[in-house]
Amino acid sequence: MPLCKDGRIKGRHHEREPLVVHSAVLFHLDNQQLRRDEMVARFQRVRSAIDHAVARGGPAVYAIGDSGIRRTWP
C-alpha cells in the first residue's frame, strides 16, 4: 500500500499513471507540517478505514486527515 506525505501526485500524470495501471490505492497526509510521531499516529488511527479503502480497490487516492480519510482522486 503506497503512502506519501503529500497529495501533489494527483496533478502529475506521470506519477499517477502507475496507480491506474496497477489499480492501486495511495494514501497521503492532508497536513505536511506534522511531526513524525503525529504522522505515525494519524496512520495508525485510520488503519481500519485504510484497510476498507484498499479492499474497495483502485485506482484511488485518499487524504488522511485528523478525523479520518477522504477520497481525493478520481
Protein backbone atom coordinates (compact mmCIF):
# COMPACT_ATOMS: atom_id res chain seq x y z
CA MET A 1 0.00 0.00 0.00
CA PRO A 2 1.65 3.26 -1.09
CA LEU A 3 1.89 6.02 1.50
CA CYS A 4 3.21 9.51 0.86
CA LYS A 5 3.49 12.79 2.67
CA ASP A 6 1.55 14.99 0.25
CA GLY A 7 -1.15 14.74 -2.40
CA ARG A 8 0.58 16.54 -5.26
CA ILE A 9 0.72 13.25 -7.17
CA LYS A 10 -2.90 13.80 -8.23
CA GLY A 11 -1.85 16.58 -10.58
CA ARG A 12 1.13 14.78 -12.11
CA HIS A 13 0.13 12.35 -14.83
CA HIS A 14 3.49 10.54 -14.93
CA GLU A 15 3.32 9.88 -11.17
CA ARG A 16 -0.37 8.98 -11.21
CA GLU A 17 -0.09 6.54 -14.13
CA PRO A 18 1.16 3.57 -12.01
CA LEU A 19 -1.96 3.93 -9.84
CA VAL A 20 -4.10 3.48 -12.94
CA VAL A 21 -2.02 0.69 -14.49
CA HIS A 22 -1.96 -1.34 -11.26
CA SER A 23 -5.37 -0.28 -9.89
CA ALA A 24 -3.52 0.89 -6.79
CA VAL A 25 -4.75 2.86 -3.81
CA LEU A 26 -2.49 5.62 -2.46
CA PHE A 27 -2.76 7.43 0.85
CA HIS A 28 -1.27 10.81 1.73
CA LEU A 29 -1.37 13.16 4.69
CA ASP A 30 -3.51 16.28 4.39
CA ASN A 31 -1.06 18.24 6.55
CA GLN A 32 2.64 18.17 5.73
CA GLN A 33 3.58 20.17 8.85
CA LEU A 34 3.05 17.31 11.29
CA ARG A 35 5.83 15.94 13.45
CA ARG A 36 6.91 12.37 12.70
CA ASP A 37 5.10 10.95 15.75
CA GLU A 38 1.90 12.77 14.71
CA MET A 39 2.19 11.33 11.19
CA VAL A 40 2.54 7.79 12.52
CA ALA A 41 -0.32 8.28 14.97
CA ARG A 42 -2.56 9.51 12.17
CA PHE A 43 -1.82 6.46 10.01
CA GLN A 44 -2.44 4.15 12.98
CA ARG A 45 -5.72 5.88 13.92
CA VAL A 46 -7.25 5.30 10.48
CA ARG A 47 -5.83 1.85 9.78
CA SER A 48 -9.26 0.22 9.64
CA ALA A 49 -10.53 2.81 7.14
CA ILE A 50 -7.35 2.30 5.08
CA ASP A 51 -7.95 -1.45 5.02
CA HIS A 52 -11.54 -0.91 3.81
CA ALA A 53 -10.40 1.52 1.08
CA VAL A 54 -7.79 -0.96 -0.15
CA ALA A 55 -10.44 -3.70 -0.24
CA ARG A 56 -12.64 -1.47 -2.44
CA GLY A 57 -9.76 -1.25 -4.91
CA GLY A 58 -8.37 1.46 -7.09
CA PRO A 59 -7.17 3.42 -8.75
CA ALA A 60 -7.79 5.88 -5.94
CA VAL A 61 -6.07 8.50 -3.81
CA TYR A 62 -7.14 9.24 -0.24
CA ALA A 63 -6.14 12.06 2.10
CA ILE A 64 -5.56 11.10 5.72
CA GLY A 65 -6.88 13.81 7.99
CA ASP A 66 -7.25 14.19 11.72
CA SER A 67 -10.77 12.77 11.65
CA GLY A 68 -10.39 10.03 9.02
CA ILE A 69 -9.76 9.50 5.32
CA ARG A 70 -11.42 11.09 2.30
CA ARG A 71 -11.13 10.18 -1.35
CA THR A 72 -9.45 12.93 -3.37
CA TRP A 73 -8.99 11.23 -6.75
CA PRO A 74 -10.55 10.33 -9.14
